[in-house]
PDB file of all heavy atoms in Angstrom:
ATOM      1  N   LYS A   1      13.500 -12.436  -5.520  1.00  0.00           N
ATOM      2  CA  LYS A   1      13.692 -11.397  -6.545  1.00  0.00           C
ATOM      3  C   LYS A   1      13.028 -10.079  -6.145  1.00  0.00           C
ATOM      4  O   LYS A   1      13.592  -8.979  -6.399  1.00  0.00           O
ATOM      5  CB  LYS A   1      13.092 -11.884  -7.863  1.00  0.00           C
ATOM      6  CG  LYS A   1      13.279 -10.920  -9.015  1.00  0.00           C
ATOM      7  CD  LYS A   1      12.727 -11.520 -10.299  1.00  0.00           C
ATOM      8  CE  LYS A   1      12.924 -10.528 -11.451  1.00  0.00           C
ATOM      9  NZ  LYS A   1      12.372 -11.084 -12.721  1.00  0.00           N
ATOM     10  N   GLN A   2      11.868 -10.115  -5.498  1.00  0.00           N
ATOM     11  CA  GLN A   2      11.078  -8.911  -5.300  1.00  0.00           C
ATOM     12  C   GLN A   2      11.242  -8.282  -3.910  1.00  0.00           C
ATOM     13  O   GLN A   2      10.986  -7.094  -3.727  1.00  0.00           O
ATOM     14  CB  GLN A   2       9.577  -9.238  -5.510  1.00  0.00           C
ATOM     15  CG  GLN A   2       9.252  -9.838  -6.891  1.00  0.00           C
ATOM     16  CD  GLN A   2       9.554  -8.953  -8.042  1.00  0.00           C
ATOM     17  OE1 GLN A   2       9.742  -7.732  -7.889  1.00  0.00           O
ATOM     18  NE2 GLN A   2       9.719  -9.537  -9.250  1.00  0.00           N
ATOM     19  N   TRP A   3      11.611  -9.095  -2.898  1.00  0.00           N
ATOM     20  CA  TRP A   3      11.630  -8.571  -1.529  1.00  0.00           C
ATOM     21  C   TRP A   3      13.058  -8.244  -1.113  1.00  0.00           C
ATOM     22  O   TRP A   3      13.836  -9.117  -0.782  1.00  0.00           O
ATOM     23  CB  TRP A   3      11.010  -9.563  -0.559  1.00  0.00           C
ATOM     24  CG  TRP A   3      10.405  -8.903   0.653  1.00  0.00           C
ATOM     25  CD1 TRP A   3      11.084  -8.460   1.762  1.00  0.00           C
ATOM     26  CD2 TRP A   3       9.046  -8.583   0.824  1.00  0.00           C
ATOM     27  NE1 TRP A   3      10.202  -7.855   2.635  1.00  0.00           N
ATOM     28  CE2 TRP A   3       8.931  -7.918   2.093  1.00  0.00           C
ATOM     29  CE3 TRP A   3       7.875  -8.754   0.107  1.00  0.00           C
ATOM     30  CZ2 TRP A   3       7.740  -7.464   2.629  1.00  0.00           C
ATOM     31  CZ3 TRP A   3       6.659  -8.319   0.621  1.00  0.00           C
ATOM     32  CH2 TRP A   3       6.629  -7.670   1.875  1.00  0.00           C
ATOM     33  N   LYS A   4      13.383  -6.951  -1.178  1.00  0.00           N
ATOM     34  CA  LYS A   4      14.706  -6.461  -0.815  1.00  0.00           C
ATOM     35  C   LYS A   4      14.710  -5.925   0.596  1.00  0.00           C
ATOM     36  O   LYS A   4      13.685  -5.898   1.287  1.00  0.00           O
ATOM     37  CB  LYS A   4      15.185  -5.351  -1.794  1.00  0.00           C
ATOM     38  CG  LYS A   4      15.013  -5.732  -3.260  1.00  0.00           C
ATOM     39  CD  LYS A   4      15.901  -6.916  -3.629  1.00  0.00           C
ATOM     40  CE  LYS A   4      15.804  -7.265  -5.114  1.00  0.00           C
ATOM     41  NZ  LYS A   4      16.557  -8.470  -5.467  1.00  0.00           N
ATOM     42  N   GLU A   5      15.884  -5.445   1.034  1.00  0.00           N
ATOM     43  CA  GLU A   5      15.979  -4.886   2.425  1.00  0.00           C
ATOM     44  C   GLU A   5      15.083  -3.674   2.586  1.00  0.00           C
ATOM     45  O   GLU A   5      14.610  -3.398   3.706  1.00  0.00           O
ATOM     46  CB  GLU A   5      17.455  -4.484   2.701  1.00  0.00           C
ATOM     47  CG  GLU A   5      18.377  -5.674   2.868  1.00  0.00           C
ATOM     48  CD  GLU A   5      19.782  -5.248   3.261  1.00  0.00           C
ATOM     49  OE1 GLU A   5      19.974  -4.045   3.560  1.00  0.00           O
ATOM     50  OE2 GLU A   5      20.674  -6.103   3.243  1.00  0.00           O
ATOM     51  N   THR A   6      14.885  -2.892   1.555  1.00  0.00           N
ATOM     52  CA  THR A   6      14.040  -1.681   1.655  1.00  0.00           C
ATOM     53  C   THR A   6      12.562  -1.919   1.425  1.00  0.00           C
ATOM     54  O   THR A   6      11.771  -1.000   1.517  1.00  0.00           O
ATOM     55  CB  THR A   6      14.527  -0.651   0.617  1.00  0.00           C
ATOM     56  OG1 THR A   6      14.426  -1.268  -0.697  1.00  0.00           O
ATOM     57  CG2 THR A   6      15.967  -0.250   0.864  1.00  0.00           C
ATOM     58  N   THR A   7      12.191  -3.199   1.135  1.00  0.00           N
ATOM     59  CA  THR A   7      10.799  -3.472   0.762  1.00  0.00           C
ATOM     60  C   THR A   7       9.830  -3.352   1.944  1.00  0.00           C
ATOM     61  O   THR A   7       8.766  -2.747   1.810  1.00  0.00           O
ATOM     62  CB  THR A   7      10.700  -4.872   0.116  1.00  0.00           C
ATOM     63  OG1 THR A   7      11.508  -4.940  -1.015  1.00  0.00           O
ATOM     64  CG2 THR A   7       9.262  -5.149  -0.282  1.00  0.00           C
ATOM     65  N   SER A   8      10.237  -3.895   3.109  1.00  0.00           N
ATOM     66  CA  SER A   8       9.275  -3.880   4.224  1.00  0.00           C
ATOM     67  C   SER A   8       8.818  -2.499   4.608  1.00  0.00           C
ATOM     68  O   SER A   8       7.613  -2.273   4.814  1.00  0.00           O
ATOM     69  CB  SER A   8       9.916  -4.618   5.408  1.00  0.00           C
ATOM     70  OG  SER A   8      10.057  -5.985   5.133  1.00  0.00           O
ATOM     71  N   PRO A   9       9.738  -1.539   4.752  1.00  0.00           N
ATOM     72  CA  PRO A   9       9.289  -0.156   5.083  1.00  0.00           C
ATOM     73  C   PRO A   9       8.321   0.425   4.035  1.00  0.00           C
ATOM     74  O   PRO A   9       7.329   1.080   4.367  1.00  0.00           O
ATOM     75  CB  PRO A   9      10.559   0.651   5.168  1.00  0.00           C
ATOM     76  CG  PRO A   9      11.636  -0.350   5.431  1.00  0.00           C
ATOM     77  CD  PRO A   9      11.208  -1.596   4.756  1.00  0.00           C
ATOM     78  N   LEU A  10       8.630   0.171   2.772  1.00  0.00           N
ATOM     79  CA  LEU A  10       7.758   0.670   1.685  1.00  0.00           C
ATOM     80  C   LEU A  10       6.378   0.040   1.794  1.00  0.00           C
ATOM     81  O   LEU A  10       5.330   0.743   1.664  1.00  0.00           O
ATOM     82  CB  LEU A  10       8.353   0.311   0.333  1.00  0.00           C
ATOM     83  CG  LEU A  10       9.560   1.151  -0.181  1.00  0.00           C
ATOM     84  CD1 LEU A  10      10.045   0.613  -1.518  1.00  0.00           C
ATOM     85  CD2 LEU A  10       9.160   2.625  -0.297  1.00  0.00           C
ATOM     86  N   ILE A  11       6.317  -1.279   2.014  1.00  0.00           N
ATOM     87  CA  ILE A  11       5.020  -1.939   2.053  1.00  0.00           C
ATOM     88  C   ILE A  11       4.232  -1.518   3.289  1.00  0.00           C
ATOM     89  O   ILE A  11       3.012  -1.440   3.264  1.00  0.00           O
ATOM     90  CB  ILE A  11       5.214  -3.515   2.041  1.00  0.00           C
ATOM     91  CG1 ILE A  11       5.879  -3.901   0.702  1.00  0.00           C
ATOM     92  CG2 ILE A  11       3.929  -4.239   2.215  1.00  0.00           C
ATOM     93  CD1 ILE A  11       5.076  -3.529  -0.522  1.00  0.00           C
ATOM     94  N   LYS A  12       4.945  -1.211   4.391  1.00  0.00           N
ATOM     95  CA  LYS A  12       4.247  -0.678   5.581  1.00  0.00           C
ATOM     96  C   LYS A  12       3.551   0.646   5.242  1.00  0.00           C
ATOM     97  O   LYS A  12       2.423   0.918   5.658  1.00  0.00           O
ATOM     98  CB  LYS A  12       5.247  -0.464   6.716  1.00  0.00           C
ATOM     99  CG  LYS A  12       5.616  -1.713   7.508  1.00  0.00           C
ATOM    100  CD  LYS A  12       6.494  -1.386   8.698  1.00  0.00           C
ATOM    101  CE  LYS A  12       6.869  -2.637   9.490  1.00  0.00           C
ATOM    102  NZ  LYS A  12       7.762  -2.301  10.605  1.00  0.00           N
ATOM    103  N   GLU A  13       4.263   1.531   4.506  1.00  0.00           N
ATOM    104  CA  GLU A  13       3.712   2.796   4.112  1.00  0.00           C
ATOM    105  C   GLU A  13       2.479   2.618   3.164  1.00  0.00           C
ATOM    106  O   GLU A  13       1.487   3.324   3.268  1.00  0.00           O
ATOM    107  CB  GLU A  13       4.763   3.660   3.444  1.00  0.00           C
ATOM    108  CG  GLU A  13       5.824   4.158   4.419  1.00  0.00           C
ATOM    109  CD  GLU A  13       6.854   5.060   3.731  1.00  0.00           C
ATOM    110  OE1 GLU A  13       6.554   5.566   2.649  1.00  0.00           O
ATOM    111  OE2 GLU A  13       7.957   5.243   4.304  1.00  0.00           O
ATOM    112  N   VAL A  14       2.583   1.629   2.280  1.00  0.00           N
ATOM    113  CA  VAL A  14       1.454   1.323   1.378  1.00  0.00           C
ATOM    114  C   VAL A  14       0.286   0.862   2.229  1.00  0.00           C
ATOM    115  O   VAL A  14      -0.903   1.224   1.956  1.00  0.00           O
ATOM    116  CB  VAL A  14       1.862   0.255   0.369  1.00  0.00           C
ATOM    117  CG1 VAL A  14       0.628  -0.214  -0.453  1.00  0.00           C
ATOM    118  CG2 VAL A  14       2.922   0.770  -0.606  1.00  0.00           C
ATOM    119  N   ALA A  15       0.546   0.087   3.273  1.00  0.00           N
ATOM    120  CA  ALA A  15      -0.518  -0.374   4.128  1.00  0.00           C
ATOM    121  C   ALA A  15      -1.231   0.795   4.803  1.00  0.00           C
ATOM    122  O   ALA A  15      -2.457   0.785   4.936  1.00  0.00           O
ATOM    123  CB  ALA A  15       0.037  -1.318   5.192  1.00  0.00           C
ATOM    124  N   ASN A  16      -0.480   1.803   5.215  1.00  0.00           N
ATOM    125  CA  ASN A  16      -1.074   2.994   5.831  1.00  0.00           C
ATOM    126  C   ASN A  16      -1.967   3.731   4.817  1.00  0.00           C
ATOM    127  O   ASN A  16      -3.038   4.230   5.172  1.00  0.00           O
ATOM    128  CB  ASN A  16      -0.004   3.951   6.361  1.00  0.00           C
ATOM    129  CG  ASN A  16       0.645   3.431   7.641  1.00  0.00           C
ATOM    130  OD1 ASN A  16      -0.021   2.732   8.392  1.00  0.00           O
ATOM    131  ND2 ASN A  16       1.917   3.714   7.859  1.00  0.00           N
ATOM    132  N   VAL A  17      -1.492   3.809   3.563  1.00  0.00           N
ATOM    133  CA  VAL A  17      -2.291   4.425   2.511  1.00  0.00           C
ATOM    134  C   VAL A  17      -3.627   3.678   2.386  1.00  0.00           C
ATOM    135  O   VAL A  17      -4.698   4.307   2.342  1.00  0.00           O
ATOM    136  CB  VAL A  17      -1.548   4.436   1.194  1.00  0.00           C
ATOM    137  CG1 VAL A  17      -2.477   4.905   0.045  1.00  0.00           C
ATOM    138  CG2 VAL A  17      -0.321   5.329   1.247  1.00  0.00           C
ATOM    139  N   ILE A  18      -3.547   2.368   2.298  1.00  0.00           N
ATOM    140  CA  ILE A  18      -4.741   1.540   2.134  1.00  0.00           C
ATOM    141  C   ILE A  18      -5.676   1.686   3.335  1.00  0.00           C
ATOM    142  O   ILE A  18      -6.904   1.759   3.232  1.00  0.00           O
ATOM    143  CB  ILE A  18      -4.366   0.079   1.901  1.00  0.00           C
ATOM    144  CG1 ILE A  18      -3.654  -0.056   0.521  1.00  0.00           C
ATOM    145  CG2 ILE A  18      -5.561  -0.847   1.947  1.00  0.00           C
ATOM    146  CD1 ILE A  18      -3.054  -1.401   0.238  1.00  0.00           C
ATOM    147  N   LYS A  19      -5.068   1.719   4.519  1.00  0.00           N
ATOM    148  CA  LYS A  19      -5.870   1.837   5.773  1.00  0.00           C
ATOM    149  C   LYS A  19      -6.716   3.085   5.813  1.00  0.00           C
ATOM    150  O   LYS A  19      -7.838   3.074   6.343  1.00  0.00           O
ATOM    151  CB  LYS A  19      -4.877   1.813   6.972  1.00  0.00           C
ATOM    152  CG  LYS A  19      -5.556   1.810   8.322  1.00  0.00           C
ATOM    153  CD  LYS A  19      -4.518   1.733   9.415  1.00  0.00           C
ATOM    154  CE  LYS A  19      -5.167   1.704  10.819  1.00  0.00           C
ATOM    155  NZ  LYS A  19      -4.158   1.631  11.885  1.00  0.00           N
ATOM    156  N   ASN A  20      -6.217   4.153   5.230  1.00  0.00           N
ATOM    157  CA  ASN A  20      -6.925   5.446   5.307  1.00  0.00           C
ATOM    158  C   ASN A  20      -7.905   5.685   4.140  1.00  0.00           C
ATOM    159  O   ASN A  20      -8.507   6.760   4.053  1.00  0.00           O
ATOM    160  CB  ASN A  20      -5.907   6.566   5.335  1.00  0.00           C
ATOM    161  CG  ASN A  20      -5.126   6.559   6.616  1.00  0.00           C
ATOM    162  OD1 ASN A  20      -5.688   6.358   7.685  1.00  0.00           O
ATOM    163  ND2 ASN A  20      -3.803   6.799   6.540  1.00  0.00           N
ATOM    164  N   ILE A  21      -8.079   4.676   3.269  1.00  0.00           N
ATOM    165  CA  ILE A  21      -9.044   4.814   2.181  1.00  0.00           C
ATOM    166  C   ILE A  21     -10.429   4.539   2.689  1.00  0.00           C
ATOM    167  O   ILE A  21     -10.687   3.451   3.240  1.00  0.00           O
ATOM    168  CB  ILE A  21      -8.682   3.882   1.003  1.00  0.00           C
ATOM    169  CG1 ILE A  21      -7.319   4.242   0.395  1.00  0.00           C
ATOM    170  CG2 ILE A  21      -9.757   3.932  -0.095  1.00  0.00           C
ATOM    171  CD1 ILE A  21      -6.821   3.262  -0.615  1.00  0.00           C
ATOM    172  N   GLU A  22     -11.353   5.462   2.521  1.00  0.00           N
ATOM    173  CA  GLU A  22     -12.721   5.254   3.004  1.00  0.00           C
ATOM    174  C   GLU A  22     -13.581   4.592   1.923  1.00  0.00           C
ATOM    175  O   GLU A  22     -14.348   3.654   2.237  1.00  0.00           O
ATOM    176  CB  GLU A  22     -13.327   6.599   3.437  1.00  0.00           C
ATOM    177  CG  GLU A  22     -12.642   7.191   4.649  1.00  0.00           C
ATOM    178  CD  GLU A  22     -13.319   8.470   5.124  1.00  0.00           C
ATOM    179  OE1 GLU A  22     -14.430   8.787   4.593  1.00  0.00           O
ATOM    180  OE2 GLU A  22     -12.781   9.135   6.032  1.00  0.00           O
ATOM    181  N   ASP A  23     -13.532   5.120   0.704  1.00  0.00           N
ATOM    182  CA  ASP A  23     -14.351   4.536  -0.394  1.00  0.00           C
ATOM    183  C   ASP A  23     -13.526   3.350  -0.966  1.00  0.00           C
ATOM    184  O   ASP A  23     -12.781   3.509  -1.936  1.00  0.00           O
ATOM    185  CB  ASP A  23     -14.608   5.617  -1.437  1.00  0.00           C
ATOM    186  CG  ASP A  23     -15.579   5.107  -2.504  1.00  0.00           C
ATOM    187  OD1 ASP A  23     -16.136   3.985  -2.313  1.00  0.00           O
ATOM    188  OD2 ASP A  23     -15.773   5.784  -3.503  1.00  0.00           O
ATOM    189  N   PHE A  24     -13.707   2.146  -0.369  1.00  0.00           N
ATOM    190  CA  PHE A  24     -12.797   1.048  -0.644  1.00  0.00           C
ATOM    191  C   PHE A  24     -13.252   0.287  -1.915  1.00  0.00           C
ATOM    192  O   PHE A  24     -13.897  -0.760  -1.856  1.00  0.00           O
ATOM    193  CB  PHE A  24     -12.746   0.101   0.556  1.00  0.00           C
ATOM    194  CG  PHE A  24     -11.490  -0.709   0.625  1.00  0.00           C
ATOM    195  CD1 PHE A  24     -10.291  -0.172   1.045  1.00  0.00           C
ATOM    196  CD2 PHE A  24     -11.487  -2.068   0.262  1.00  0.00           C
ATOM    197  CE1 PHE A  24      -9.119  -0.943   1.090  1.00  0.00           C
ATOM    198  CE2 PHE A  24     -10.313  -2.810   0.324  1.00  0.00           C
ATOM    199  CZ  PHE A  24      -9.131  -2.251   0.726  1.00  0.00           C
ATOM    200  N   ASN A  25     -12.867   0.790  -3.058  1.00  0.00           N
ATOM    201  CA  ASN A  25     -13.139   0.103  -4.322  1.00  0.00           C
ATOM    202  C   ASN A  25     -11.859   0.083  -5.157  1.00  0.00           C
ATOM    203  O   ASN A  25     -10.920   0.857  -4.892  1.00  0.00           O
ATOM    204  CB  ASN A  25     -14.296   0.749  -5.090  1.00  0.00           C
ATOM    205  CG  ASN A  25     -13.960   2.204  -5.446  1.00  0.00           C
ATOM    206  OD1 ASN A  25     -13.137   2.462  -6.286  1.00  0.00           O
ATOM    207  ND2 ASN A  25     -14.625   3.145  -4.753  1.00  0.00           N
ATOM    208  N   SER A  26     -11.838  -0.745  -6.121  1.00  0.00           N
ATOM    209  CA  SER A  26     -10.619  -0.978  -6.919  1.00  0.00           C
ATOM    210  C   SER A  26     -10.013   0.289  -7.498  1.00  0.00           C
ATOM    211  O   SER A  26      -8.838   0.554  -7.393  1.00  0.00           O
ATOM    212  CB  SER A  26     -10.921  -1.972  -8.015  1.00  0.00           C
ATOM    213  OG  SER A  26      -9.770  -2.174  -8.849  1.00  0.00           O
ATOM    214  N   ALA A  27     -10.875   1.116  -8.110  1.00  0.00           N
ATOM    215  CA  ALA A  27     -10.410   2.327  -8.761  1.00  0.00           C
ATOM    216  C   ALA A  27      -9.770   3.300  -7.755  1.00  0.00           C
ATOM    217  O   ALA A  27      -8.686   3.882  -7.993  1.00  0.00           O
ATOM    218  CB  ALA A  27     -11.554   3.022  -9.488  1.00  0.00           C
ATOM    219  N   THR A  28     -10.412   3.508  -6.617  1.00  0.00           N
ATOM    220  CA  THR A  28      -9.894   4.395  -5.601  1.00  0.00           C
ATOM    221  C   THR A  28      -8.611   3.888  -4.992  1.00  0.00           C
ATOM    222  O   THR A  28      -7.664   4.634  -4.778  1.00  0.00           O
ATOM    223  CB  THR A  28     -10.947   4.620  -4.460  1.00  0.00           C
ATOM    224  OG1 THR A  28     -12.183   5.092  -5.072  1.00  0.00           O
ATOM    225  CG2 THR A  28     -10.475   5.625  -3.477  1.00  0.00           C
ATOM    226  N   ILE A  29      -8.571   2.618  -4.695  1.00  0.00           N
ATOM    227  CA  ILE A  29      -7.366   2.012  -4.114  1.00  0.00           C
ATOM    228  C   ILE A  29      -6.212   2.189  -5.082  1.00  0.00           C
ATOM    229  O   ILE A  29      -5.086   2.554  -4.681  1.00  0.00           O
ATOM    230  CB  ILE A  29      -7.597   0.476  -3.799  1.00  0.00           C
ATOM    231  CG1 ILE A  29      -8.770   0.306  -2.857  1.00  0.00           C
ATOM    232  CG2 ILE A  29      -6.318  -0.123  -3.206  1.00  0.00           C
ATOM    233  CD1 ILE A  29      -9.278  -1.123  -2.799  1.00  0.00           C
ATOM    234  N   GLU A  30      -6.449   1.892  -6.371  1.00  0.00           N
ATOM    235  CA  GLU A  30      -5.406   2.030  -7.362  1.00  0.00           C
ATOM    236  C   GLU A  30      -4.906   3.472  -7.441  1.00  0.00           C
ATOM    237  O   GLU A  30      -3.691   3.761  -7.497  1.00  0.00           O
ATOM    238  CB  GLU A  30      -5.918   1.597  -8.742  1.00  0.00           C
ATOM    239  CG  GLU A  30      -4.887   1.650  -9.835  1.00  0.00           C
ATOM    240  CD  GLU A  30      -5.346   1.039 -11.152  1.00  0.00           C
ATOM    241  OE1 GLU A  30      -6.529   0.664 -11.248  1.00  0.00           O
ATOM    242  OE2 GLU A  30      -4.523   0.968 -12.075  1.00  0.00           O
ATOM    243  N   GLU A  31      -5.868   4.414  -7.430  1.00  0.00           N
ATOM    244  CA  GLU A  31      -5.515   5.833  -7.521  1.00  0.00           C
ATOM    245  C   GLU A  31      -4.617   6.250  -6.347  1.00  0.00           C
ATOM    246  O   GLU A  31      -3.591   6.933  -6.536  1.00  0.00           O
ATOM    247  CB  GLU A  31      -6.778   6.686  -7.522  1.00  0.00           C
ATOM    248  CG  GLU A  31      -6.544   8.181  -7.597  1.00  0.00           C
ATOM    249  CD  GLU A  31      -7.838   8.980  -7.427  1.00  0.00           C
ATOM    250  OE1 GLU A  31      -8.936   8.354  -7.520  1.00  0.00           O
ATOM    251  OE2 GLU A  31      -7.729  10.197  -7.238  1.00  0.00           O
TER     252      GLU A  31
END
């Protein structure tokens, strides 16, 4: 239901966002 053809590229970009977070806490990650 959740993993479509376009999902992998999107999740890769989210991974890059997460990778570049320095202050790694829930509030900052969510923001």
